[in-house]
Structure formats: C-alpha cells, structure tokens
Amino acid sequence: MALSGTFNFNLDIDDVIQEASEMLGGEQTLGHEPKSARRSINLMLKDWQNRGILLWSTETTAVTVVASVTSYELSNSAIDALQVIINRDDSDIAATRISFEEYLQIPAKSQTGRATQYSIKRNVNNPTLFIWPIPENSTDVLKIEKISELQDVNKSEGQTGDLPKRFLPCLTAGLAFYMGTKRPGVDAAKLSFLKTNYEELLSRALLEDSERASIFFKPKIRAV
C-alpha cells in the first residue's frame, strides 16, 4: 500500500474543540461553548508552563550592556531566563545565576567589571535581569536564553495553538476534561477517566520534550 508522503497533519482550534467534544460525549451546550473552550485552552497552556520548561517556548535574545547600568527589563512576553552568557570580543562566558536575595546581599554593588553573576526578579509582568559586577563598558553583549509565554488562543477557525504537533493528543484530552468539569450531567467516572487520560498524555509529551544530552550535577558546598 502506498503511503501519503506528507507530514502536514495538524488541528486548528476549531478541530481541537470538536475532537474534545466528541471525546467528552453527551449533549453539547451551544452558543458560548467555543468561547468557553478557548478560555479553557488558554488556562491549560498557562498550567503547562507552571509544570516545567517547554523547550519550544525558549529563545535567545541579545542585549548590549550599558556602562554602569545594572538592570535590564526583559520583554513583556518573557517569563524567566534559563541562562545568561556574557560575550566580549567574540568570547562567551556563562554567568552564574544567584537568587534575588543573594543579589541584594552583595555589599559592593557599584563594583565594575565583566559581569559574572545574574539574578532574575520576577514581577507581575515582565521580569527584570540584574547583573554583577556592573558593566565597565557599553560593548559587552548579554546572550539571554529566555522562556516566553505561549501565544494566546483568541479564535477558533484558522488558528492553531502555540505548540508542537506532538502535544495535540494531550491538548485535546485536556480540553475534554476541562469542558467536562463545566458541562452539566457529566458522570463522575467519565470525568475521572478523562483526567487520568489527560495527565498520562501530558506526562508522556513533557518527557519527550526534553533535552537528550547527558546532564551532570555537581554539588556546591558552602561553609556555614
């Protein structure tokens, strides 16, 4: 038998809602249900980002430092930073992340030099990046591996979710569960099955969406 030769399968948000509705079964509540489903998808995507780092939501941005300026605002879509590299004369050195509390306890915050440490202060909106020592020039470049929010779902037809296709199974299963919690008359056993199925599919997808390189952990021992 001949194969299709294509790799284009995807679901737009309308397809996701329809698939989730079929998984849920029962009588549909028309009218506001597509809007309610899109709201559930957005809440679910926020929850995914609370569970761990989604690799496709990371990107590297470059920021040129300014002499004697110690803090830099990340973009409105940024959630956090995974790593900061200090580039000088085409030479990269990784900065060490410290907690914001540790940063506040640095006694000589006015010390200048090539930055070796950074801290992230997570605000209501975009985070602020603090570096130390403060820059001695305006030529060093910060290569920031930032974690960005997933884009909103705001319409059903012709729009796909901000996620890889490998996450479609858990997206549809999760939406079926979310919709089931809001739809009257859904059996508790059915809800329990939908939740279990969703969590299994999400765990499987998150496990697959991980770095494949070996990781070595080196304990940092400090004198008390």
N, C-alpha and C. Protein backbone atom coordinates (compact mmCIF):
# COMPACT_ATOMS: atom_id res chain seq x y z
N MET A 1 0.84 -1.19 0.00
CA MET A 1 0.00 0.00 0.00
C MET A 1 0.88 1.25 0.00
N ALA A 2 0.44 2.25 -0.74
CA ALA A 2 1.22 3.48 -0.85
C ALA A 2 1.02 4.36 0.38
N LEU A 3 2.08 5.04 0.79
CA LEU A 3 1.99 5.99 1.89
C LEU A 3 1.66 7.37 1.33
N SER A 4 1.22 8.27 2.20
CA SER A 4 0.79 9.59 1.74
C SER A 4 1.96 10.45 1.27
N GLY A 5 3.13 10.27 1.90
CA GLY A 5 4.26 11.10 1.55
C GLY A 5 4.19 12.51 2.10
N THR A 6 3.22 12.78 2.96
CA THR A 6 3.06 14.12 3.54
C THR A 6 3.22 14.05 5.06
N PHE A 7 3.52 15.22 5.65
CA PHE A 7 3.71 15.31 7.10
C PHE A 7 3.00 16.57 7.61
N ASN A 8 1.82 16.83 7.08
CA ASN A 8 1.15 18.11 7.31
C ASN A 8 0.03 18.06 8.32
N PHE A 9 -0.20 16.90 8.94
CA PHE A 9 -1.34 16.81 9.85
C PHE A 9 -1.21 17.82 10.99
N ASN A 10 -2.30 18.54 11.21
CA ASN A 10 -2.38 19.47 12.33
C ASN A 10 -3.85 19.71 12.62
N LEU A 11 -4.14 20.30 13.73
CA LEU A 11 -5.52 20.64 14.09
C LEU A 11 -5.59 22.12 14.41
N ASP A 12 -6.54 22.81 13.76
CA ASP A 12 -6.76 24.18 14.22
C ASP A 12 -7.64 24.13 15.46
N ILE A 13 -7.84 25.27 16.08
CA ILE A 13 -8.55 25.30 17.36
C ILE A 13 -9.96 24.77 17.23
N ASP A 14 -10.62 25.04 16.10
CA ASP A 14 -11.97 24.52 15.88
C ASP A 14 -11.96 22.99 15.88
N ASP A 15 -10.94 22.39 15.24
CA ASP A 15 -10.81 20.92 15.22
C ASP A 15 -10.54 20.38 16.62
N VAL A 16 -9.71 21.09 17.38
CA VAL A 16 -9.40 20.67 18.75
C VAL A 16 -10.67 20.66 19.59
N ILE A 17 -11.48 21.71 19.47
CA ILE A 17 -12.73 21.79 20.24
C ILE A 17 -13.68 20.67 19.83
N GLN A 18 -13.77 20.41 18.52
CA GLN A 18 -14.67 19.35 18.04
C GLN A 18 -14.20 17.99 18.54
N GLU A 19 -12.89 17.72 18.46
CA GLU A 19 -12.35 16.44 18.92
C GLU A 19 -12.59 16.25 20.41
N ALA A 20 -12.35 17.33 21.18
CA ALA A 20 -12.57 17.25 22.63
C ALA A 20 -14.05 17.02 22.95
N SER A 21 -14.93 17.65 22.20
CA SER A 21 -16.37 17.46 22.42
C SER A 21 -16.79 16.03 22.14
N GLU A 22 -16.21 15.43 21.09
CA GLU A 22 -16.53 14.05 20.76
C GLU A 22 -15.99 13.10 21.83
N MET A 23 -14.81 13.41 22.38
CA MET A 23 -14.26 12.59 23.46
C MET A 23 -15.13 12.69 24.71
N LEU A 24 -15.65 13.88 24.95
CA LEU A 24 -16.49 14.08 26.13
C LEU A 24 -17.84 13.42 25.98
N GLY A 25 -18.43 13.52 24.78
CA GLY A 25 -19.74 12.93 24.52
C GLY A 25 -20.85 13.72 25.20
N GLY A 26 -22.05 13.19 25.14
CA GLY A 26 -23.19 13.86 25.76
C GLY A 26 -23.71 15.00 24.91
N GLU A 27 -24.66 15.69 25.46
CA GLU A 27 -25.31 16.78 24.73
C GLU A 27 -24.47 18.05 24.83
N GLN A 28 -24.18 18.65 23.68
CA GLN A 28 -23.39 19.86 23.66
C GLN A 28 -24.22 21.07 24.07
N THR A 29 -23.56 22.00 24.72
CA THR A 29 -24.18 23.28 25.05
C THR A 29 -23.67 24.30 24.04
N LEU A 30 -24.50 24.67 23.11
CA LEU A 30 -24.07 25.54 22.03
C LEU A 30 -24.07 26.99 22.50
N GLY A 31 -23.74 27.88 21.61
CA GLY A 31 -23.74 29.30 21.95
C GLY A 31 -22.38 29.72 22.46
N HIS A 32 -22.20 29.72 23.78
CA HIS A 32 -20.95 30.23 24.35
C HIS A 32 -19.87 29.16 24.47
N GLU A 33 -20.17 27.90 24.09
CA GLU A 33 -19.21 26.82 24.33
C GLU A 33 -17.88 27.01 23.61
N PRO A 34 -17.82 27.42 22.32
CA PRO A 34 -16.50 27.65 21.71
C PRO A 34 -15.68 28.69 22.46
N LYS A 35 -16.31 29.78 22.90
CA LYS A 35 -15.59 30.81 23.66
C LYS A 35 -15.10 30.24 24.99
N SER A 36 -15.95 29.45 25.64
CA SER A 36 -15.58 28.83 26.90
C SER A 36 -14.42 27.85 26.69
N ALA A 37 -14.45 27.10 25.58
CA ALA A 37 -13.39 26.14 25.29
C ALA A 37 -12.06 26.86 25.04
N ARG A 38 -12.09 27.97 24.32
CA ARG A 38 -10.86 28.73 24.08
C ARG A 38 -10.29 29.26 25.39
N ARG A 39 -11.16 29.69 26.29
CA ARG A 39 -10.70 30.16 27.60
C ARG A 39 -10.04 29.00 28.36
N SER A 40 -10.63 27.82 28.27
CA SER A 40 -10.04 26.65 28.93
C SER A 40 -8.69 26.30 28.33
N ILE A 41 -8.55 26.41 27.02
CA ILE A 41 -7.26 26.12 26.37
C ILE A 41 -6.19 27.08 26.89
N ASN A 42 -6.51 28.36 26.98
CA ASN A 42 -5.54 29.34 27.46
C ASN A 42 -5.13 29.05 28.91
N LEU A 43 -6.10 28.68 29.74
CA LEU A 43 -5.78 28.33 31.13
C LEU A 43 -4.91 27.08 31.19
N MET A 44 -5.21 26.13 30.32
CA MET A 44 -4.44 24.89 30.30
C MET A 44 -3.00 25.16 29.87
N LEU A 45 -2.79 26.01 28.87
CA LEU A 45 -1.44 26.33 28.42
C LEU A 45 -0.66 27.03 29.52
N LYS A 46 -1.32 27.89 30.29
CA LYS A 46 -0.65 28.53 31.43
C LYS A 46 -0.23 27.48 32.45
N ASP A 47 -1.09 26.50 32.68
CA ASP A 47 -0.77 25.44 33.63
C ASP A 47 0.43 24.62 33.14
N TRP A 48 0.51 24.37 31.84
CA TRP A 48 1.65 23.62 31.31
C TRP A 48 2.95 24.33 31.65
N GLN A 49 2.96 25.65 31.53
CA GLN A 49 4.20 26.38 31.79
C GLN A 49 4.54 26.41 33.27
N ASN A 50 3.54 26.18 34.12
CA ASN A 50 3.81 26.04 35.55
C ASN A 50 4.43 24.70 35.89
N ARG A 51 4.28 23.73 35.00
CA ARG A 51 4.74 22.37 35.28
C ARG A 51 6.20 22.14 34.90
N GLY A 52 6.74 22.98 34.07
CA GLY A 52 8.13 22.78 33.65
C GLY A 52 8.45 23.64 32.45
N ILE A 53 9.67 23.47 31.95
CA ILE A 53 10.14 24.26 30.83
C ILE A 53 9.70 23.59 29.53
N LEU A 54 8.98 24.32 28.71
CA LEU A 54 8.57 23.84 27.40
C LEU A 54 9.63 24.31 26.41
N LEU A 55 10.34 23.36 25.81
CA LEU A 55 11.51 23.71 25.01
C LEU A 55 11.20 24.67 23.88
N TRP A 56 10.01 24.53 23.28
CA TRP A 56 9.71 25.40 22.14
C TRP A 56 9.40 26.84 22.57
N SER A 57 9.26 27.07 23.87
CA SER A 57 8.98 28.42 24.34
C SER A 57 10.25 29.19 24.71
N THR A 58 11.42 28.61 24.41
CA THR A 58 12.68 29.27 24.74
C THR A 58 13.28 29.88 23.48
N GLU A 59 13.95 30.99 23.64
CA GLU A 59 14.67 31.62 22.53
C GLU A 59 15.78 32.49 23.10
N THR A 60 16.79 32.73 22.27
CA THR A 60 17.93 33.53 22.70
C THR A 60 17.77 34.96 22.19
N THR A 61 17.94 35.90 23.08
CA THR A 61 17.90 37.30 22.71
C THR A 61 19.20 37.96 23.15
N ALA A 62 19.67 38.93 22.38
CA ALA A 62 20.94 39.60 22.67
C ALA A 62 20.67 41.03 23.14
N VAL A 63 21.32 41.40 24.22
CA VAL A 63 21.19 42.75 24.78
C VAL A 63 22.58 43.31 25.01
N THR A 64 22.86 44.45 24.41
CA THR A 64 24.14 45.11 24.64
C THR A 64 24.08 45.90 25.94
N VAL A 65 25.06 45.70 26.80
CA VAL A 65 25.05 46.36 28.11
C VAL A 65 25.34 47.84 27.95
N VAL A 66 25.02 48.57 29.00
CA VAL A 66 25.34 49.99 29.08
C VAL A 66 26.20 50.19 30.32
N ALA A 67 27.30 50.92 30.18
CA ALA A 67 28.22 51.11 31.29
C ALA A 67 27.49 51.62 32.52
N SER A 68 27.76 50.98 33.65
CA SER A 68 27.22 51.35 34.97
C SER A 68 25.73 51.08 35.14
N VAL A 69 25.10 50.43 34.16
CA VAL A 69 23.68 50.07 34.28
C VAL A 69 23.60 48.62 34.73
N THR A 70 22.92 48.38 35.83
CA THR A 70 22.94 47.05 36.44
C THR A 70 21.72 46.19 36.15
N SER A 71 20.60 46.79 35.71
CA SER A 71 19.37 46.01 35.49
C SER A 71 18.82 46.24 34.09
N TYR A 72 18.18 45.19 33.55
CA TYR A 72 17.66 45.22 32.19
C TYR A 72 16.30 44.53 32.18
N GLU A 73 15.32 45.22 31.61
CA GLU A 73 13.97 44.68 31.54
C GLU A 73 13.89 43.67 30.39
N LEU A 74 13.35 42.50 30.65
CA LEU A 74 13.08 41.54 29.59
C LEU A 74 11.77 41.90 28.91
N SER A 75 11.50 41.28 27.79
CA SER A 75 10.30 41.62 27.02
C SER A 75 9.03 41.24 27.77
N ASN A 76 7.91 41.82 27.35
CA ASN A 76 6.63 41.60 28.02
C ASN A 76 6.20 40.13 27.97
N SER A 77 6.64 39.41 26.95
CA SER A 77 6.24 38.00 26.81
C SER A 77 7.15 37.06 27.60
N ALA A 78 8.23 37.59 28.18
CA ALA A 78 9.19 36.73 28.89
C ALA A 78 8.65 36.34 30.26
N ILE A 79 8.96 35.11 30.66
CA ILE A 79 8.60 34.60 31.97
C ILE A 79 9.82 34.50 32.87
N ASP A 80 10.92 34.02 32.31
CA ASP A 80 12.12 33.78 33.10
C ASP A 80 13.30 33.64 32.14
N ALA A 81 14.49 33.45 32.68
CA ALA A 81 15.69 33.21 31.87
C ALA A 81 16.33 31.92 32.31
N LEU A 82 16.72 31.10 31.36
CA LEU A 82 17.37 29.83 31.65
C LEU A 82 18.87 30.01 31.87
N GLN A 83 19.46 30.89 31.06
CA GLN A 83 20.91 31.06 31.12
C GLN A 83 21.27 32.42 30.56
N VAL A 84 22.35 32.98 31.05
CA VAL A 84 22.87 34.24 30.54
C VAL A 84 24.35 34.05 30.22
N ILE A 85 24.72 34.40 29.00
CA ILE A 85 26.11 34.31 28.54
C ILE A 85 26.62 35.74 28.34
N ILE A 86 27.81 36.01 28.82
CA ILE A 86 28.44 37.31 28.62
C ILE A 86 29.43 37.18 27.47
N ASN A 87 29.21 37.96 26.40
CA ASN A 87 30.09 37.91 25.24
C ASN A 87 30.95 39.17 25.20
N ARG A 88 32.25 38.95 25.09
CA ARG A 88 33.20 40.06 24.92
C ARG A 88 34.26 39.62 23.92
N ASP A 89 34.43 40.42 22.87
CA ASP A 89 35.44 40.12 21.85
C ASP A 89 35.27 38.70 21.31
N ASP A 90 34.02 38.34 21.02
CA ASP A 90 33.68 37.02 20.46
C ASP A 90 34.03 35.87 21.39
N SER A 91 34.18 36.16 22.67
CA SER A 91 34.42 35.12 23.67
C SER A 91 33.24 35.06 24.62
N ASP A 92 32.67 33.86 24.79
CA ASP A 92 31.50 33.66 25.63
C ASP A 92 31.89 33.07 26.98
N ILE A 93 31.34 33.64 28.04
CA ILE A 93 31.50 33.10 29.39
C ILE A 93 30.12 33.04 30.04
N ALA A 94 29.77 31.89 30.59
CA ALA A 94 28.48 31.73 31.24
C ALA A 94 28.46 32.42 32.59
N ALA A 95 27.43 33.19 32.84
CA ALA A 95 27.26 33.83 34.15
C ALA A 95 26.56 32.86 35.09
N THR A 96 26.82 33.00 36.36
CA THR A 96 26.21 32.15 37.39
C THR A 96 24.95 32.82 37.91
N ARG A 97 23.87 32.04 37.97
CA ARG A 97 22.62 32.60 38.50
C ARG A 97 22.62 32.53 40.02
N ILE A 98 22.24 33.63 40.64
CA ILE A 98 22.06 33.67 42.09
C ILE A 98 20.64 34.13 42.38
N SER A 99 20.16 33.84 43.56
CA SER A 99 18.81 34.28 43.92
C SER A 99 18.79 35.79 44.08
N PHE A 100 17.59 36.36 44.01
CA PHE A 100 17.49 37.81 44.18
C PHE A 100 17.89 38.21 45.59
N GLU A 101 17.63 37.33 46.55
CA GLU A 101 18.05 37.60 47.93
C GLU A 101 19.57 37.67 48.02
N GLU A 102 20.26 36.73 47.34
CA GLU A 102 21.73 36.76 47.34
C GLU A 102 22.24 38.03 46.67
N TYR A 103 21.55 38.44 45.59
CA TYR A 103 21.97 39.67 44.91
C TYR A 103 21.84 40.87 45.84
N LEU A 104 20.75 40.95 46.59
CA LEU A 104 20.55 42.08 47.49
C LEU A 104 21.62 42.12 48.58
N GLN A 105 22.20 40.97 48.89
CA GLN A 105 23.19 40.90 49.96
C GLN A 105 24.61 41.20 49.48
N ILE A 106 24.80 41.43 48.18
CA ILE A 106 26.13 41.79 47.67
C ILE A 106 26.51 43.15 48.24
N PRO A 107 27.62 43.26 48.96
CA PRO A 107 27.95 44.52 49.62
C PRO A 107 28.42 45.61 48.66
N ALA A 108 29.20 45.23 47.64
CA ALA A 108 29.78 46.24 46.75
C ALA A 108 29.07 46.21 45.40
N LYS A 109 27.83 46.69 45.38
CA LYS A 109 27.06 46.62 44.14
C LYS A 109 27.58 47.57 43.07
N SER A 110 28.39 48.55 43.45
CA SER A 110 28.92 49.50 42.48
C SER A 110 30.20 49.03 41.82
N GLN A 111 30.67 47.85 42.19
CA GLN A 111 31.89 47.32 41.59
C GLN A 111 31.69 47.10 40.09
N THR A 112 32.65 47.54 39.30
CA THR A 112 32.55 47.39 37.85
C THR A 112 33.44 46.26 37.36
N GLY A 113 33.14 45.77 36.16
CA GLY A 113 33.93 44.69 35.58
C GLY A 113 33.08 43.91 34.60
N ARG A 114 33.61 42.79 34.17
CA ARG A 114 32.84 41.88 33.32
C ARG A 114 31.89 41.09 34.20
N ALA A 115 30.61 41.16 33.89
CA ALA A 115 29.60 40.52 34.74
C ALA A 115 29.87 39.01 34.84
N THR A 116 29.72 38.48 36.04
CA THR A 116 29.91 37.05 36.27
C THR A 116 28.69 36.40 36.91
N GLN A 117 27.78 37.22 37.44
CA GLN A 117 26.59 36.70 38.10
C GLN A 117 25.35 37.46 37.62
N TYR A 118 24.22 36.78 37.68
CA TYR A 118 22.97 37.44 37.34
C TYR A 118 21.85 36.93 38.24
N SER A 119 20.83 37.75 38.36
CA SER A 119 19.66 37.38 39.15
C SER A 119 18.41 37.84 38.40
N ILE A 120 17.36 37.10 38.55
CA ILE A 120 16.09 37.44 37.90
C ILE A 120 15.07 37.80 38.97
N LYS A 121 14.50 38.99 38.85
CA LYS A 121 13.38 39.39 39.71
C LYS A 121 12.11 39.26 38.90
N ARG A 122 11.29 38.30 39.27
CA ARG A 122 10.06 38.04 38.53
C ARG A 122 8.96 38.94 39.06
N ASN A 123 8.47 39.80 38.18
CA ASN A 123 7.45 40.78 38.55
C ASN A 123 6.08 40.31 38.08
N VAL A 124 5.07 41.14 38.27
CA VAL A 124 3.72 40.79 37.80
C VAL A 124 3.73 40.62 36.30
N ASN A 125 4.43 41.48 35.60
CA ASN A 125 4.53 41.38 34.15
C ASN A 125 5.91 40.85 33.77
N ASN A 126 6.70 41.64 33.04
CA ASN A 126 7.98 41.13 32.58
C ASN A 126 9.03 41.13 33.68
N PRO A 127 9.94 40.11 33.66
CA PRO A 127 10.99 40.03 34.69
C PRO A 127 12.08 41.08 34.46
N THR A 128 12.85 41.33 35.50
CA THR A 128 14.00 42.22 35.42
C THR A 128 15.26 41.41 35.67
N LEU A 129 16.25 41.61 34.80
CA LEU A 129 17.54 40.93 34.91
C LEU A 129 18.55 41.86 35.58
N PHE A 130 19.17 41.40 36.66
CA PHE A 130 20.22 42.16 37.34
C PHE A 130 21.55 41.44 37.13
N ILE A 131 22.61 42.19 36.82
CA ILE A 131 23.92 41.59 36.63
C ILE A 131 24.93 42.23 37.58
N TRP A 132 25.96 41.45 37.90
CA TRP A 132 27.03 41.93 38.78
C TRP A 132 28.32 41.22 38.43
N PRO A 133 29.44 41.92 38.42
CA PRO A 133 29.61 43.36 38.62
C PRO A 133 28.89 44.17 37.54
N ILE A 134 28.71 45.47 37.78
CA ILE A 134 28.04 46.30 36.79
C ILE A 134 29.00 46.54 35.63
N PRO A 135 28.48 46.69 34.42
CA PRO A 135 29.35 46.77 33.24
C PRO A 135 30.33 47.93 33.29
N GLU A 136 31.53 47.63 32.83
CA GLU A 136 32.56 48.66 32.75
C GLU A 136 32.64 49.26 31.36
N ASN A 137 31.82 48.73 30.44
CA ASN A 137 31.81 49.26 29.08
C ASN A 137 30.40 49.19 28.52
N SER A 138 30.23 49.61 27.29
CA SER A 138 28.94 49.54 26.62
C SER A 138 29.04 48.68 25.37
N THR A 139 29.89 47.67 25.44
CA THR A 139 30.12 46.80 24.28
C THR A 139 29.87 45.32 24.58
N ASP A 140 29.95 44.91 25.84
CA ASP A 140 29.65 43.51 26.16
C ASP A 140 28.20 43.21 25.77
N VAL A 141 27.96 41.97 25.37
CA VAL A 141 26.63 41.55 24.95
C VAL A 141 26.13 40.43 25.85
N LEU A 142 24.91 40.58 26.35
CA LEU A 142 24.26 39.52 27.12
C LEU A 142 23.47 38.64 26.16
N LYS A 143 23.80 37.37 26.12
CA LYS A 143 23.01 36.41 25.35
C LYS A 143 22.08 35.71 26.34
N ILE A 144 20.82 36.07 26.29
CA ILE A 144 19.86 35.62 27.30
C ILE A 144 18.96 34.54 26.70
N GLU A 145 19.03 33.35 27.26
CA GLU A 145 18.12 32.27 26.86
C GLU A 145 16.86 32.43 27.71
N LYS A 146 15.85 33.04 27.12
CA LYS A 146 14.66 33.37 27.89
C LYS A 146 13.52 32.40 27.61
N ILE A 147 12.64 32.28 28.58
CA ILE A 147 11.42 31.49 28.44
C ILE A 147 10.29 32.47 28.19
N SER A 148 9.57 32.27 27.10
CA SER A 148 8.48 33.17 26.74
C SER A 148 7.12 32.52 27.00
N GLU A 149 6.13 33.35 27.22
CA GLU A 149 4.76 32.84 27.34
C GLU A 149 4.31 32.25 26.01
N LEU A 150 3.40 31.30 26.07
CA LEU A 150 2.79 30.79 24.86
C LEU A 150 1.76 31.80 24.36
N GLN A 151 1.65 31.92 23.05
CA GLN A 151 0.72 32.89 22.48
C GLN A 151 -0.73 32.51 22.79
N ASP A 152 -1.57 33.53 22.93
CA ASP A 152 -2.97 33.33 23.27
C ASP A 152 -3.73 32.64 22.14
N VAL A 153 -4.75 31.92 22.52
CA VAL A 153 -5.74 31.40 21.57
C VAL A 153 -6.94 32.33 21.64
N ASN A 154 -7.23 33.03 20.56
CA ASN A 154 -8.32 34.01 20.60
C ASN A 154 -9.37 33.84 19.51
N LYS A 155 -9.21 32.81 18.67
CA LYS A 155 -10.27 32.47 17.73
C LYS A 155 -10.17 31.00 17.38
N SER A 156 -11.25 30.46 16.85
CA SER A 156 -11.31 29.02 16.61
C SER A 156 -10.89 28.66 15.20
N GLU A 157 -11.45 29.32 14.21
CA GLU A 157 -11.22 28.94 12.82
C GLU A 157 -9.91 29.53 12.30
N GLY A 158 -9.10 28.68 11.68
CA GLY A 158 -7.89 29.15 11.02
C GLY A 158 -6.76 29.49 11.95
N GLN A 159 -6.84 29.13 13.21
CA GLN A 159 -5.76 29.41 14.16
C GLN A 159 -5.36 28.12 14.86
N THR A 160 -4.07 27.90 15.00
CA THR A 160 -3.58 26.73 15.71
C THR A 160 -2.99 27.17 17.05
N GLY A 161 -2.81 26.23 17.95
CA GLY A 161 -2.21 26.54 19.23
C GLY A 161 -0.71 26.75 19.10
N ASP A 162 -0.14 27.50 20.02
CA ASP A 162 1.30 27.78 20.02
C ASP A 162 2.01 26.60 20.68
N LEU A 163 2.05 25.47 19.95
CA LEU A 163 2.62 24.25 20.50
C LEU A 163 2.98 23.30 19.36
N PRO A 164 3.94 22.39 19.59
CA PRO A 164 4.28 21.40 18.56
C PRO A 164 3.14 20.41 18.36
N LYS A 165 3.10 19.81 17.19
CA LYS A 165 2.02 18.87 16.89
C LYS A 165 2.03 17.66 17.82
N ARG A 166 3.19 17.35 18.38
CA ARG A 166 3.26 16.19 19.28
C ARG A 166 2.47 16.41 20.57
N PHE A 167 2.09 17.66 20.86
CA PHE A 167 1.30 17.95 22.05
C PHE A 167 -0.20 17.97 21.76
N LEU A 168 -0.62 17.71 20.53
CA LEU A 168 -2.05 17.73 20.21
C LEU A 168 -2.85 16.68 20.98
N PRO A 169 -2.33 15.46 21.17
CA PRO A 169 -3.13 14.49 21.93
C PRO A 169 -3.47 14.96 23.34
N CYS A 170 -2.49 15.52 24.07
CA CYS A 170 -2.80 15.96 25.43
C CYS A 170 -3.61 17.25 25.43
N LEU A 171 -3.48 18.07 24.37
CA LEU A 171 -4.30 19.28 24.28
C LEU A 171 -5.77 18.92 24.14
N THR A 172 -6.08 17.99 23.25
CA THR A 172 -7.48 17.61 23.05
C THR A 172 -8.02 16.86 24.27
N ALA A 173 -7.21 15.96 24.84
CA ALA A 173 -7.67 15.22 26.02
C ALA A 173 -7.87 16.16 27.20
N GLY A 174 -6.96 17.10 27.36
CA GLY A 174 -7.09 18.06 28.45
C GLY A 174 -8.31 18.94 28.28
N LEU A 175 -8.57 19.37 27.04
CA LEU A 175 -9.75 20.20 26.81
C LEU A 175 -11.04 19.42 27.08
N ALA A 176 -11.04 18.14 26.73
CA ALA A 176 -12.22 17.31 27.02
C ALA A 176 -12.49 17.28 28.52
N PHE A 177 -11.42 17.15 29.31
CA PHE A 177 -11.58 17.14 30.77
C PHE A 177 -12.05 18.50 31.27
N TYR A 178 -11.42 19.57 30.81
CA TYR A 178 -11.80 20.92 31.25
C TYR A 178 -13.26 21.20 30.90
N MET A 179 -13.67 20.85 29.69
CA MET A 179 -15.06 21.07 29.28
C MET A 179 -16.01 20.23 30.12
N GLY A 180 -15.57 19.01 30.46
CA GLY A 180 -16.42 18.13 31.25
C GLY A 180 -16.70 18.67 32.63
N THR A 181 -15.72 19.40 33.20
CA THR A 181 -15.94 19.96 34.54
C THR A 181 -16.96 21.09 34.52
N LYS A 182 -17.21 21.64 33.33
CA LYS A 182 -18.15 22.76 33.23
C LYS A 182 -19.50 22.35 32.64
N ARG A 183 -19.56 21.16 32.02
CA ARG A 183 -20.80 20.74 31.36
C ARG A 183 -21.68 19.98 32.35
N PRO A 184 -22.94 20.37 32.51
CA PRO A 184 -23.84 19.68 33.45
C PRO A 184 -24.07 18.22 33.05
N GLY A 185 -24.20 17.37 34.05
CA GLY A 185 -24.62 15.99 33.81
C GLY A 185 -23.53 15.03 33.40
N VAL A 186 -22.27 15.45 33.42
CA VAL A 186 -21.19 14.53 33.06
C VAL A 186 -20.90 13.62 34.25
N ASP A 187 -20.89 12.33 33.97
CA ASP A 187 -20.70 11.34 35.02
C ASP A 187 -19.32 11.49 35.67
N ALA A 188 -19.26 11.32 37.00
CA ALA A 188 -18.01 11.47 37.73
C ALA A 188 -16.96 10.47 37.26
N ALA A 189 -17.39 9.26 36.93
CA ALA A 189 -16.45 8.24 36.45
C ALA A 189 -15.85 8.65 35.11
N LYS A 190 -16.68 9.27 34.26
CA LYS A 190 -16.18 9.74 32.97
C LYS A 190 -15.16 10.87 33.17
N LEU A 191 -15.45 11.77 34.09
CA LEU A 191 -14.51 12.84 34.39
C LEU A 191 -13.18 12.29 34.91
N SER A 192 -13.25 11.29 35.77
CA SER A 192 -12.05 10.69 36.32
C SER A 192 -11.22 10.05 35.21
N PHE A 193 -11.88 9.36 34.28
CA PHE A 193 -11.18 8.75 33.15
C PHE A 193 -10.52 9.81 32.29
N LEU A 194 -11.26 10.89 31.99
CA LEU A 194 -10.72 11.96 31.15
C LEU A 194 -9.50 12.60 31.80
N LYS A 195 -9.57 12.81 33.11
CA LYS A 195 -8.46 13.44 33.81
C LYS A 195 -7.22 12.52 33.79
N THR A 196 -7.42 11.24 34.07
CA THR A 196 -6.31 10.29 34.06
C THR A 196 -5.68 10.21 32.67
N ASN A 197 -6.52 10.14 31.66
CA ASN A 197 -6.02 10.07 30.28
C ASN A 197 -5.23 11.32 29.93
N TYR A 198 -5.75 12.47 30.31
CA TYR A 198 -5.08 13.75 30.04
C TYR A 198 -3.72 13.81 30.72
N GLU A 199 -3.66 13.46 32.00
CA GLU A 199 -2.41 13.54 32.74
C GLU A 199 -1.37 12.58 32.18
N GLU A 200 -1.80 11.39 31.76
CA GLU A 200 -0.86 10.42 31.18
C GLU A 200 -0.29 10.95 29.86
N LEU A 201 -1.16 11.50 29.01
CA LEU A 201 -0.70 12.02 27.73
C LEU A 201 0.21 13.23 27.91
N LEU A 202 -0.12 14.09 28.87
CA LEU A 202 0.72 15.26 29.11
C LEU A 202 2.08 14.84 29.67
N SER A 203 2.10 13.91 30.61
CA SER A 203 3.37 13.43 31.16
C SER A 203 4.24 12.83 30.07
N ARG A 204 3.63 12.08 29.18
CA ARG A 204 4.36 11.46 28.08
C ARG A 204 4.96 12.53 27.15
N ALA A 205 4.15 13.56 26.86
CA ALA A 205 4.62 14.63 25.97
C ALA A 205 5.74 15.44 26.63
N LEU A 206 5.60 15.75 27.91
CA LEU A 206 6.63 16.52 28.62
C LEU A 206 7.93 15.73 28.72
N LEU A 207 7.82 14.41 28.89
CA LEU A 207 9.01 13.57 28.95
C LEU A 207 9.72 13.56 27.61
N GLU A 208 8.95 13.52 26.53
CA GLU A 208 9.55 13.52 25.19
C GLU A 208 10.16 14.88 24.87
N ASP A 209 9.56 15.95 25.38
CA ASP A 209 10.02 17.32 25.12
C ASP A 209 11.10 17.68 26.12
N SER A 210 12.22 17.01 26.04
CA SER A 210 13.30 17.24 26.99
C SER A 210 14.63 17.12 26.27
N GLU A 211 15.65 17.71 26.88
CA GLU A 211 16.99 17.63 26.31
C GLU A 211 17.48 16.19 26.32
N ARG A 212 18.19 15.82 25.28
CA ARG A 212 18.70 14.45 25.18
C ARG A 212 20.18 14.35 25.52
N ALA A 213 20.81 15.49 25.76
CA ALA A 213 22.22 15.46 26.15
C ALA A 213 22.35 15.01 27.60
N SER A 214 23.50 14.42 27.94
CA SER A 214 23.74 14.00 29.31
C SER A 214 23.90 15.21 30.22
N ILE A 215 23.39 15.10 31.43
CA ILE A 215 23.48 16.17 32.40
C ILE A 215 24.23 15.65 33.62
N PHE A 216 25.19 16.42 34.09
CA PHE A 216 25.95 16.06 35.27
C PHE A 216 25.73 17.12 36.34
N PHE A 217 25.40 16.68 37.53
CA PHE A 217 25.13 17.60 38.64
C PHE A 217 26.34 17.61 39.58
N LYS A 218 26.80 18.81 39.86
CA LYS A 218 27.95 18.97 40.75
C LYS A 218 27.49 19.76 41.97
N PRO A 219 27.53 19.16 43.16
CA PRO A 219 27.05 19.87 44.34
C PRO A 219 27.93 21.07 44.65
N LYS A 220 27.29 22.13 45.13
CA LYS A 220 28.03 23.33 45.54
C LYS A 220 28.02 23.37 47.05
N ILE A 221 29.17 23.14 47.66
CA ILE A 221 29.28 23.04 49.11
C ILE A 221 29.77 24.38 49.66
N ARG A 222 29.02 24.89 50.61
CA ARG A 222 29.39 26.16 51.22
C ARG A 222 29.60 25.97 52.72
N ALA A 223 30.53 26.72 53.25
CA ALA A 223 30.74 26.70 54.70
C ALA A 223 29.63 27.47 55.37
N VAL A 224 29.14 26.90 56.47
CA VAL A 224 28.05 27.56 57.22
C VAL A 224 28.65 28.42 58.31
